[in-house]
Amino acid sequence: MPHSSIHTSIEVLAHIDLEGKIHPLRFRLETQDQDRRVVRVEKVLDYKEAMIAGQRTRQFSCRSVIEDLIHHYELSYELATCRWYLSKWS
């Protein structure tokens, strides 16, 4: 399944458990026509830590169903800046 690489800043609601593990629950992004869409994270498929552009990040490969279509995407969390990004979308 092809992914389109993007790097869009997003707002995220996440749960952090007692061990400090982050669980993204949903995120909000701005669409091309300036609307804001909320996407519920239905499942985190994979998790890894990586260095991207010299920044330590936590990357979450996720899946959601939007308008009866399954979408796979990647959320990235930069540890130094505490910012979230939508990195890939398909």
N, C-alpha and C. Protein backbone atom coordinates (compact mmCIF):
# COMPACT_ATOMS: atom_id res chain seq x y z
N MET A 1 0.85 -1.18 0.00
CA MET A 1 0.00 0.00 0.00
C MET A 1 0.89 1.24 0.00
N PRO A 2 0.77 2.12 -0.99
CA PRO A 2 1.65 3.29 -1.06
C PRO A 2 1.31 4.31 0.01
N HIS A 3 2.35 4.91 0.54
CA HIS A 3 2.21 5.97 1.53
C HIS A 3 2.64 7.28 0.91
N SER A 4 1.97 8.35 1.27
CA SER A 4 2.48 9.65 0.87
C SER A 4 3.17 10.24 2.09
N SER A 5 4.40 10.67 1.91
CA SER A 5 5.17 11.26 3.00
C SER A 5 4.79 12.73 3.14
N ILE A 6 4.47 13.10 4.37
CA ILE A 6 4.12 14.48 4.70
C ILE A 6 4.75 14.81 6.03
N HIS A 7 4.70 16.03 6.42
CA HIS A 7 5.21 16.42 7.74
C HIS A 7 4.35 17.59 8.22
N THR A 8 3.13 17.26 8.67
CA THR A 8 2.15 18.26 9.05
C THR A 8 2.01 18.29 10.56
N SER A 9 2.11 19.46 11.14
CA SER A 9 1.92 19.63 12.57
C SER A 9 0.44 19.38 12.92
N ILE A 10 0.20 18.61 13.99
CA ILE A 10 -1.16 18.27 14.39
C ILE A 10 -1.33 18.41 15.90
N GLU A 11 -2.59 18.49 16.32
CA GLU A 11 -2.94 18.45 17.73
C GLU A 11 -3.30 17.02 18.07
N VAL A 12 -2.82 16.51 19.22
CA VAL A 12 -3.05 15.12 19.59
C VAL A 12 -3.55 15.04 21.02
N LEU A 13 -4.53 14.16 21.23
CA LEU A 13 -4.96 13.80 22.58
C LEU A 13 -4.39 12.41 22.83
N ALA A 14 -3.59 12.28 23.89
CA ALA A 14 -2.93 11.01 24.17
C ALA A 14 -3.04 10.70 25.66
N HIS A 15 -2.94 9.42 25.95
CA HIS A 15 -2.90 8.93 27.33
C HIS A 15 -1.47 8.50 27.62
N ILE A 16 -0.95 8.88 28.77
CA ILE A 16 0.38 8.44 29.19
C ILE A 16 0.20 7.57 30.43
N ASP A 17 0.62 6.31 30.33
CA ASP A 17 0.40 5.38 31.43
C ASP A 17 1.45 5.56 32.53
N LEU A 18 1.35 4.76 33.58
CA LEU A 18 2.23 4.90 34.74
C LEU A 18 3.70 4.65 34.41
N GLU A 19 3.97 3.89 33.37
CA GLU A 19 5.36 3.62 32.96
C GLU A 19 5.88 4.70 32.01
N GLY A 20 5.05 5.68 31.67
CA GLY A 20 5.47 6.76 30.77
C GLY A 20 5.25 6.46 29.31
N LYS A 21 4.58 5.36 28.99
CA LYS A 21 4.32 5.00 27.60
C LYS A 21 3.17 5.86 27.08
N ILE A 22 3.35 6.40 25.86
CA ILE A 22 2.36 7.27 25.24
C ILE A 22 1.42 6.43 24.38
N HIS A 23 0.11 6.70 24.53
CA HIS A 23 -0.92 6.04 23.73
C HIS A 23 -1.74 7.12 23.03
N PRO A 24 -1.47 7.39 21.74
CA PRO A 24 -2.29 8.40 21.04
C PRO A 24 -3.73 7.89 20.91
N LEU A 25 -4.68 8.77 21.22
CA LEU A 25 -6.10 8.41 21.16
C LEU A 25 -6.80 9.00 19.95
N ARG A 26 -6.55 10.27 19.67
CA ARG A 26 -7.12 10.94 18.49
C ARG A 26 -6.29 12.17 18.18
N PHE A 27 -6.45 12.66 16.95
CA PHE A 27 -5.72 13.85 16.55
C PHE A 27 -6.60 14.72 15.68
N ARG A 28 -6.23 15.98 15.61
CA ARG A 28 -6.98 16.95 14.80
C ARG A 28 -6.02 17.57 13.81
N LEU A 29 -6.47 17.63 12.56
CA LEU A 29 -5.65 18.25 11.54
C LEU A 29 -6.51 19.18 10.70
N GLU A 30 -5.87 20.10 10.07
CA GLU A 30 -6.55 21.05 9.19
C GLU A 30 -6.53 20.51 7.77
N THR A 31 -7.70 20.48 7.14
CA THR A 31 -7.80 19.97 5.77
C THR A 31 -7.42 21.07 4.78
N GLN A 32 -7.36 20.70 3.51
CA GLN A 32 -6.99 21.66 2.47
C GLN A 32 -7.95 22.83 2.38
N ASP A 33 -9.23 22.60 2.71
CA ASP A 33 -10.20 23.70 2.64
C ASP A 33 -10.40 24.37 4.01
N GLN A 34 -9.38 24.31 4.86
CA GLN A 34 -9.31 25.00 6.15
C GLN A 34 -10.26 24.44 7.21
N ASP A 35 -10.89 23.30 6.96
CA ASP A 35 -11.72 22.65 7.98
C ASP A 35 -10.81 21.87 8.91
N ARG A 36 -11.29 21.64 10.12
CA ARG A 36 -10.55 20.81 11.07
C ARG A 36 -11.27 19.47 11.19
N ARG A 37 -10.50 18.41 11.06
CA ARG A 37 -11.05 17.06 11.14
C ARG A 37 -10.41 16.33 12.32
N VAL A 38 -11.25 15.65 13.10
CA VAL A 38 -10.77 14.83 14.21
C VAL A 38 -10.74 13.38 13.74
N VAL A 39 -9.60 12.71 13.96
CA VAL A 39 -9.43 11.32 13.57
C VAL A 39 -9.15 10.51 14.82
N ARG A 40 -9.96 9.50 15.07
CA ARG A 40 -9.76 8.62 16.23
C ARG A 40 -8.76 7.53 15.84
N VAL A 41 -7.74 7.35 16.66
CA VAL A 41 -6.75 6.29 16.44
C VAL A 41 -7.40 4.98 16.87
N GLU A 42 -7.71 4.14 15.92
CA GLU A 42 -8.38 2.88 16.25
C GLU A 42 -7.40 1.82 16.72
N LYS A 43 -6.20 1.82 16.14
CA LYS A 43 -5.21 0.82 16.54
C LYS A 43 -3.80 1.32 16.26
N VAL A 44 -2.92 1.15 17.22
CA VAL A 44 -1.49 1.39 17.01
C VAL A 44 -0.90 0.06 16.57
N LEU A 45 -0.39 0.02 15.36
CA LEU A 45 0.13 -1.22 14.77
C LEU A 45 1.59 -1.46 15.13
N ASP A 46 2.35 -0.38 15.30
CA ASP A 46 3.78 -0.50 15.58
C ASP A 46 4.24 0.76 16.28
N TYR A 47 5.32 0.61 17.05
CA TYR A 47 5.90 1.74 17.78
C TYR A 47 7.41 1.60 17.71
N LYS A 48 8.09 2.73 17.49
CA LYS A 48 9.56 2.70 17.52
C LYS A 48 10.09 4.08 17.88
N GLU A 49 11.31 4.10 18.36
CA GLU A 49 12.01 5.35 18.60
C GLU A 49 13.04 5.51 17.51
N ALA A 50 13.23 6.76 17.06
CA ALA A 50 14.16 7.02 15.96
C ALA A 50 14.74 8.42 16.08
N MET A 51 15.81 8.65 15.33
CA MET A 51 16.39 9.99 15.19
C MET A 51 15.99 10.50 13.81
N ILE A 52 15.28 11.62 13.77
CA ILE A 52 14.86 12.22 12.50
C ILE A 52 15.32 13.66 12.51
N ALA A 53 16.16 14.01 11.54
CA ALA A 53 16.71 15.37 11.43
C ALA A 53 17.37 15.79 12.74
N GLY A 54 18.06 14.85 13.39
CA GLY A 54 18.76 15.15 14.63
C GLY A 54 17.88 15.22 15.86
N GLN A 55 16.59 14.90 15.72
CA GLN A 55 15.65 14.96 16.84
C GLN A 55 15.23 13.54 17.23
N ARG A 56 15.26 13.27 18.55
CA ARG A 56 14.73 11.99 19.04
C ARG A 56 13.21 12.03 18.91
N THR A 57 12.66 11.00 18.27
CA THR A 57 11.21 10.93 18.07
C THR A 57 10.67 9.57 18.48
N ARG A 58 9.40 9.56 18.77
CA ARG A 58 8.66 8.32 18.95
C ARG A 58 7.67 8.27 17.80
N GLN A 59 7.70 7.16 17.08
CA GLN A 59 6.86 7.02 15.89
C GLN A 59 5.82 5.93 16.11
N PHE A 60 4.59 6.25 15.75
CA PHE A 60 3.46 5.34 15.94
C PHE A 60 2.83 5.06 14.57
N SER A 61 2.88 3.81 14.13
CA SER A 61 2.17 3.41 12.91
C SER A 61 0.76 3.03 13.34
N CYS A 62 -0.24 3.68 12.73
CA CYS A 62 -1.62 3.54 13.20
C CYS A 62 -2.57 3.22 12.07
N ARG A 63 -3.79 2.84 12.48
CA ARG A 63 -4.85 2.54 11.54
C ARG A 63 -6.16 3.14 12.05
N SER A 64 -6.95 3.69 11.12
CA SER A 64 -8.28 4.22 11.42
C SER A 64 -9.20 3.95 10.25
N VAL A 65 -10.49 3.86 10.54
CA VAL A 65 -11.50 3.77 9.49
C VAL A 65 -12.19 5.13 9.42
N ILE A 66 -12.12 5.74 8.24
CA ILE A 66 -12.73 7.06 8.02
C ILE A 66 -13.65 6.93 6.80
N GLU A 67 -14.93 7.22 7.01
CA GLU A 67 -15.93 7.12 5.94
C GLU A 67 -15.85 5.75 5.25
N ASP A 68 -15.82 4.70 6.05
CA ASP A 68 -15.81 3.30 5.60
C ASP A 68 -14.55 2.89 4.84
N LEU A 69 -13.49 3.69 4.89
CA LEU A 69 -12.21 3.35 4.27
C LEU A 69 -11.14 3.20 5.35
N ILE A 70 -10.30 2.17 5.20
CA ILE A 70 -9.21 1.96 6.15
C ILE A 70 -8.03 2.82 5.73
N HIS A 71 -7.50 3.60 6.67
CA HIS A 71 -6.34 4.45 6.42
C HIS A 71 -5.21 4.03 7.37
N HIS A 72 -4.01 3.95 6.82
CA HIS A 72 -2.81 3.71 7.61
C HIS A 72 -2.00 5.00 7.60
N TYR A 73 -1.40 5.32 8.73
CA TYR A 73 -0.65 6.57 8.83
C TYR A 73 0.38 6.46 9.95
N GLU A 74 1.27 7.44 9.99
CA GLU A 74 2.29 7.46 11.02
C GLU A 74 2.25 8.80 11.76
N LEU A 75 2.19 8.71 13.07
CA LEU A 75 2.28 9.89 13.93
C LEU A 75 3.67 9.92 14.54
N SER A 76 4.28 11.10 14.57
CA SER A 76 5.62 11.26 15.16
C SER A 76 5.55 12.27 16.28
N TYR A 77 6.20 11.94 17.39
CA TYR A 77 6.26 12.82 18.55
C TYR A 77 7.72 13.18 18.80
N GLU A 78 8.06 14.47 18.72
CA GLU A 78 9.43 14.93 18.99
C GLU A 78 9.60 15.14 20.49
N LEU A 79 10.53 14.43 21.07
CA LEU A 79 10.73 14.50 22.52
C LEU A 79 11.23 15.87 22.98
N ALA A 80 12.13 16.49 22.24
CA ALA A 80 12.72 17.77 22.67
C ALA A 80 11.73 18.92 22.60
N THR A 81 10.85 18.90 21.59
CA THR A 81 9.93 20.02 21.39
C THR A 81 8.51 19.73 21.87
N CYS A 82 8.22 18.46 22.19
CA CYS A 82 6.87 18.02 22.60
C CYS A 82 5.84 18.33 21.51
N ARG A 83 6.22 18.20 20.25
CA ARG A 83 5.32 18.47 19.13
C ARG A 83 4.99 17.16 18.41
N TRP A 84 3.77 17.11 17.88
CA TRP A 84 3.29 15.97 17.12
C TRP A 84 3.21 16.32 15.65
N TYR A 85 3.47 15.31 14.80
CA TYR A 85 3.39 15.48 13.36
C TYR A 85 2.71 14.26 12.73
N LEU A 86 1.95 14.51 11.69
CA LEU A 86 1.46 13.46 10.83
C LEU A 86 2.53 13.27 9.76
N SER A 87 3.18 12.09 9.75
CA SER A 87 4.35 11.88 8.89
C SER A 87 4.03 11.16 7.60
N LYS A 88 3.10 10.21 7.64
CA LYS A 88 2.72 9.45 6.44
C LYS A 88 1.22 9.23 6.47
N TRP A 89 0.64 9.06 5.28
CA TRP A 89 -0.79 8.85 5.16
C TRP A 89 -1.07 8.00 3.93
N SER A 90 -1.94 7.03 4.07
CA SER A 90 -2.37 6.24 2.91
C SER A 90 -3.82 5.82 3.09
